[in-house]
Amino acid sequence: MLNLIAAQSAAFEVPKIFQTIFNDQSEYIIGYPGPVKVLGCILTALVLGILIGVVYMFTHRKTGYTQSYVLTMPMLSGLVATILVMMSGLGSGVGMTAAISLTGAFSLVRFRSAPGDPRDIAYVFFAMVMGTVCGVGFIGYAVVIFIIMAAALIIFNVTDFAAPKTQDMTLKITIPENLNYNGLFDKVFDKYTTSYLLRRVKTTDFGTLFDLVYSVRVRTDADQKKFIDDIRALNGNLNVTLVLYKYDDQIYDAKAK
């Protein structure tokens, strides 16, 4: 009889179990943030991520940017904040440790973009920091930190802070086979560059032409057109190619063609 009564009472308690699924679970965990604070942290991180994307677009307006990279900022900051907020209620610091370890794994991901600017990685960490600070509940500090860092990035970009006075580039010069290239372009290089180094000599067109590949450091105030024209006056008006140094493999690598 007692077993029957216990079974009937348990049957009436089953709906209560499903009812608690839709209730606020934060009240059952001591110290867990309420729904308003959770949504506030995540939305703030998302908004700050969007603003970081706006700053990124402003500072890369000349070099260009991709839409996917800009969208990464709010997504990353919002996800980091979500992880930290959701795991902050596990207690004994276990949840926070797991959350920080998980968000730290994002730093192992190598984000690529079209310009290939090293500053892109800094923007990724910027978004992660905003998500982390918002995730632990310091929304006010997150806003202050964003204002300071965003202002610094914009000032650095507008003032062209720490911009070098030279630019590393690769120069490819085509010359006829009967032209002695030793010291031929030294005067031109001394006029437009601060340093130069012959990196490769290659024959083309069955040995009738030579391709000379130089690593040059061109002055930023130098007129690149006049630089090329002066070289063309010495190499018989043959091909002259001047490109950024990091793309030099595309000049003489046969596999790139």
Protein backbone atom coordinates (compact mmCIF):
# COMPACT_ATOMS: atom_id res chain seq x y z
CA MET A 1 0.00 0.00 0.00
CA LEU A 2 2.80 2.38 0.89
CA ASN A 3 4.55 1.55 -2.37
CA LEU A 4 1.38 2.39 -4.33
CA ILE A 5 1.01 5.75 -2.59
CA ALA A 6 4.70 6.56 -3.25
CA ALA A 7 4.31 5.66 -6.91
CA GLN A 8 1.20 7.87 -7.24
CA SER A 9 2.95 10.82 -5.59
CA ALA A 10 5.95 10.38 -7.83
CA ALA A 11 3.67 10.37 -10.85
CA PHE A 12 2.30 13.76 -9.88
CA GLU A 13 5.84 15.15 -9.48
CA VAL A 14 6.94 14.24 -13.02
CA PRO A 15 5.35 17.31 -14.68
CA LYS A 16 7.21 19.54 -12.21
CA ILE A 17 10.50 18.22 -13.58
CA PHE A 18 9.61 19.33 -17.11
CA GLN A 19 8.27 22.61 -15.76
CA THR A 20 11.64 23.50 -14.25
CA ILE A 21 13.28 23.22 -17.66
CA PHE A 22 11.60 26.44 -18.72
CA ASN A 23 12.23 28.22 -15.42
CA ASP A 24 15.22 30.42 -14.62
CA GLN A 25 17.98 27.95 -13.75
CA SER A 26 20.19 30.65 -12.23
CA GLU A 27 18.20 30.64 -9.00
CA TYR A 28 19.32 27.07 -8.29
CA ILE A 29 23.02 27.91 -8.59
CA ILE A 30 24.50 30.17 -5.96
CA GLY A 31 26.39 33.07 -7.46
CA TYR A 32 25.24 32.40 -11.02
CA PRO A 33 24.31 35.61 -12.87
CA GLY A 34 20.68 36.23 -13.69
CA PRO A 35 19.26 36.32 -17.22
CA VAL A 36 19.42 40.11 -17.42
CA LYS A 37 23.11 40.14 -16.60
CA VAL A 38 23.84 37.25 -18.96
CA LEU A 39 22.09 38.92 -21.89
CA GLY A 40 23.68 42.25 -20.97
CA CYS A 41 27.18 40.78 -21.04
CA ILE A 42 26.69 38.98 -24.33
CA LEU A 43 24.99 41.91 -26.08
CA THR A 44 27.63 44.33 -24.84
CA ALA A 45 30.39 42.05 -26.14
CA LEU A 46 28.57 41.78 -29.46
CA VAL A 47 28.19 45.56 -29.80
CA LEU A 48 31.84 46.14 -28.88
CA GLY A 49 32.83 43.51 -31.44
CA ILE A 50 30.86 45.39 -34.10
CA LEU A 51 32.58 48.63 -33.10
CA ILE A 52 35.96 46.89 -33.32
CA GLY A 53 35.02 45.88 -36.86
CA VAL A 54 34.18 49.51 -37.64
CA VAL A 55 37.58 50.62 -36.32
CA TYR A 56 39.22 47.88 -38.38
CA MET A 57 37.46 49.08 -41.54
CA PHE A 58 38.55 52.66 -40.85
CA THR A 59 42.19 51.78 -40.27
CA HIS A 60 42.27 49.50 -43.34
CA ARG A 61 40.31 51.74 -45.69
CA LYS A 62 43.38 52.24 -47.91
CA THR A 63 44.76 48.70 -47.92
CA GLY A 64 41.34 47.03 -48.15
CA TYR A 65 39.60 44.38 -46.07
CA THR A 66 37.28 41.42 -46.40
CA GLN A 67 33.72 41.20 -45.12
CA SER A 68 34.32 37.81 -43.53
CA TYR A 69 37.17 39.16 -41.41
CA VAL A 70 35.10 42.12 -40.20
CA LEU A 71 32.24 39.79 -39.24
CA THR A 72 34.70 37.68 -37.27
CA MET A 73 35.10 40.45 -34.68
CA PRO A 74 31.54 40.52 -33.26
CA MET A 75 31.19 36.76 -33.61
CA LEU A 76 34.40 36.08 -31.69
CA SER A 77 33.73 38.57 -28.90
CA GLY A 78 30.14 37.37 -28.49
CA LEU A 79 31.12 33.70 -28.39
CA VAL A 80 33.91 34.29 -25.86
CA ALA A 81 31.54 36.22 -23.61
CA THR A 82 28.95 33.45 -23.91
CA ILE A 83 31.43 30.76 -22.91
CA LEU A 84 32.63 32.66 -19.87
CA VAL A 85 29.14 33.60 -18.67
CA MET A 86 27.71 30.11 -19.15
CA MET A 87 30.57 28.39 -17.32
CA SER A 88 30.94 30.90 -14.52
CA GLY A 89 28.34 29.08 -12.42
CA LEU A 90 29.98 25.67 -12.23
CA GLY A 91 31.57 26.60 -8.93
CA SER A 92 34.97 26.17 -7.30
CA GLY A 93 36.62 27.97 -10.15
CA VAL A 94 36.35 24.89 -12.35
CA GLY A 95 33.95 26.51 -14.78
CA MET A 96 35.98 29.69 -15.12
CA THR A 97 39.18 27.73 -15.62
CA ALA A 98 37.56 25.60 -18.32
CA ALA A 99 36.12 28.68 -20.01
CA ILE A 100 39.44 30.51 -20.08
CA SER A 101 41.16 27.38 -21.40
CA LEU A 102 38.57 27.06 -24.14
CA THR A 103 38.79 30.70 -25.17
CA GLY A 104 42.57 30.46 -25.08
CA ALA A 105 42.32 27.79 -27.75
CA PHE A 106 41.07 30.48 -30.11
CA SER A 107 44.51 32.06 -29.97
CA LEU A 108 45.91 28.95 -31.65
CA VAL A 109 43.76 29.59 -34.71
CA ARG A 110 45.60 31.40 -37.47
CA PHE A 111 43.29 33.96 -39.00
CA ARG A 112 44.14 34.99 -42.55
CA SER A 113 43.00 38.01 -44.52
CA ALA A 114 43.65 39.44 -47.94
CA PRO A 115 46.05 42.25 -46.90
CA GLY A 116 48.05 39.94 -44.62
CA ASP A 117 48.67 42.77 -42.18
CA PRO A 118 50.13 41.64 -38.82
CA ARG A 119 47.72 44.07 -37.16
CA ASP A 120 44.92 41.69 -38.06
CA ILE A 121 46.04 39.34 -35.30
CA ALA A 122 45.93 42.26 -32.84
CA TYR A 123 42.31 42.92 -33.81
CA VAL A 124 41.48 39.26 -33.18
CA PHE A 125 42.94 39.45 -29.69
CA PHE A 126 41.17 42.79 -29.20
CA ALA A 127 37.83 41.09 -29.84
CA MET A 128 38.79 38.19 -27.54
CA VAL A 129 39.69 40.58 -24.73
CA MET A 130 36.40 42.43 -25.06
CA GLY A 131 34.50 39.15 -24.97
CA THR A 132 36.46 37.96 -21.94
CA VAL A 133 35.99 41.17 -19.95
CA CYS A 134 32.27 41.26 -20.75
CA GLY A 135 31.96 37.55 -19.98
CA VAL A 136 33.24 37.95 -16.43
CA GLY A 137 30.78 40.80 -15.88
CA PHE A 138 32.96 43.93 -16.07
CA ILE A 139 30.88 45.69 -18.70
CA GLY A 140 31.90 49.18 -17.61
CA TYR A 141 35.58 48.33 -17.78
CA ALA A 142 35.05 46.73 -21.19
CA VAL A 143 33.56 49.95 -22.57
CA VAL A 144 36.40 52.05 -21.10
CA ILE A 145 39.05 49.68 -22.46
CA PHE A 146 37.42 49.71 -25.88
CA ILE A 147 37.34 53.52 -25.99
CA ILE A 148 41.02 53.76 -25.02
CA MET A 149 42.25 51.08 -27.44
CA ALA A 150 40.03 52.21 -30.32
CA ALA A 151 41.21 55.82 -29.90
CA ALA A 152 44.84 54.66 -29.85
CA LEU A 153 44.41 52.57 -33.01
CA ILE A 154 42.71 55.43 -34.86
CA ILE A 155 45.39 57.92 -33.78
CA PHE A 156 48.17 55.55 -34.86
CA ASN A 157 46.50 55.14 -38.24
CA VAL A 158 45.77 58.84 -38.84
CA THR A 159 49.24 60.02 -37.76
CA ASP A 160 50.94 57.13 -39.62
CA PHE A 161 52.85 56.37 -36.44
CA ALA A 162 56.12 54.39 -36.76
CA ALA A 163 55.86 54.29 -40.55
CA PRO A 164 59.24 53.36 -42.09
CA LYS A 165 60.99 55.76 -44.44
CA THR A 166 61.75 52.93 -46.84
CA GLN A 167 59.83 50.05 -48.35
CA ASP A 168 61.25 46.59 -49.01
CA MET A 169 60.52 45.58 -52.59
CA THR A 170 61.75 43.17 -55.22
CA LEU A 171 63.01 44.39 -58.57
CA LYS A 172 63.24 42.22 -61.67
CA ILE A 173 65.24 43.55 -64.62
CA THR A 174 65.52 41.89 -68.01
CA ILE A 175 68.74 42.57 -69.93
CA PRO A 176 70.25 41.26 -73.20
CA GLU A 177 72.87 38.53 -72.90
CA ASN A 178 75.69 40.74 -74.19
CA LEU A 179 75.18 43.43 -71.50
CA ASN A 180 77.51 43.37 -68.49
CA TYR A 181 75.27 43.94 -65.49
CA ASN A 182 78.03 44.22 -62.85
CA GLY A 183 77.75 47.75 -61.44
CA LEU A 184 75.52 48.83 -64.31
CA PHE A 185 72.59 49.99 -62.14
CA ASP A 186 74.55 51.12 -59.07
CA LYS A 187 74.10 54.85 -59.68
CA VAL A 188 70.35 54.44 -60.18
CA PHE A 189 70.06 52.33 -57.03
CA ASP A 190 72.05 54.87 -55.00
CA LYS A 191 69.62 57.58 -56.12
CA TYR A 192 66.33 55.85 -55.34
CA THR A 193 67.17 53.21 -52.71
CA THR A 194 69.01 52.95 -49.42
CA SER A 195 70.23 49.39 -50.00
CA TYR A 196 70.11 46.76 -52.72
CA LEU A 197 71.24 43.18 -53.20
CA LEU A 198 71.37 40.96 -56.27
CA ARG A 199 69.50 37.81 -55.27
CA ARG A 200 69.21 35.83 -58.46
CA VAL A 201 70.38 35.69 -62.08
CA LYS A 202 68.44 33.57 -64.57
CA THR A 203 68.69 33.06 -68.31
CA THR A 204 65.55 33.15 -70.46
CA ASP A 205 64.58 32.76 -74.13
CA PHE A 206 67.23 30.12 -74.74
CA GLY A 207 69.96 32.26 -73.21
CA THR A 208 69.30 35.39 -75.24
CA LEU A 209 68.11 37.32 -72.16
CA PHE A 210 69.01 37.51 -68.48
CA ASP A 211 66.58 38.09 -65.62
CA LEU A 212 68.15 39.89 -62.66
CA VAL A 213 66.25 39.81 -59.36
CA TYR A 214 67.26 42.45 -56.80
CA SER A 215 66.11 42.94 -53.24
CA VAL A 216 65.87 46.72 -52.89
CA ARG A 217 64.84 49.08 -50.13
CA VAL A 218 63.14 51.96 -51.94
CA ARG A 219 62.75 55.38 -50.33
CA THR A 220 59.12 56.28 -49.70
CA ASP A 221 59.61 59.73 -51.27
CA ALA A 222 61.16 58.27 -54.42
CA ASP A 223 59.34 58.53 -57.73
CA GLN A 224 58.88 54.91 -58.75
CA LYS A 225 58.10 55.78 -62.38
CA LYS A 226 61.34 57.71 -62.77
CA PHE A 227 63.13 54.88 -61.01
CA ILE A 228 61.85 52.39 -63.59
CA ASP A 229 62.46 54.81 -66.50
CA ASP A 230 66.11 55.26 -65.48
CA ILE A 231 66.54 51.48 -65.39
CA ARG A 232 64.90 51.08 -68.80
CA ALA A 233 67.39 53.57 -70.23
CA LEU A 234 70.17 51.20 -69.20
CA ASN A 235 68.70 47.77 -70.03
CA GLY A 236 67.66 48.51 -73.60
CA ASN A 237 64.03 49.30 -72.73
CA LEU A 238 63.32 45.68 -71.80
CA ASN A 239 60.94 44.52 -69.07
CA VAL A 240 61.27 45.96 -65.56
CA THR A 241 59.06 44.72 -62.71
CA LEU A 242 58.86 46.31 -59.27
CA VAL A 243 56.67 44.58 -56.69
CA LEU A 244 56.33 44.14 -52.94
CA TYR A 245 59.02 41.93 -51.46
CA LYS A 246 56.64 39.34 -50.00
CA TYR A 247 55.31 38.58 -53.48
CA ASP A 248 58.73 38.05 -55.03
CA ASP A 249 58.20 34.30 -55.60
CA GLN A 250 55.48 35.13 -58.10
CA ILE A 251 58.05 36.91 -60.27
CA TYR A 252 60.46 34.15 -61.15
CA ASP A 253 58.89 30.96 -59.82
CA ALA A 254 57.83 28.81 -62.75
CA LYS A 255 55.23 27.01 -60.65
CA ALA A 256 53.39 30.29 -60.02
CA LYS A 257 52.77 30.77 -63.76
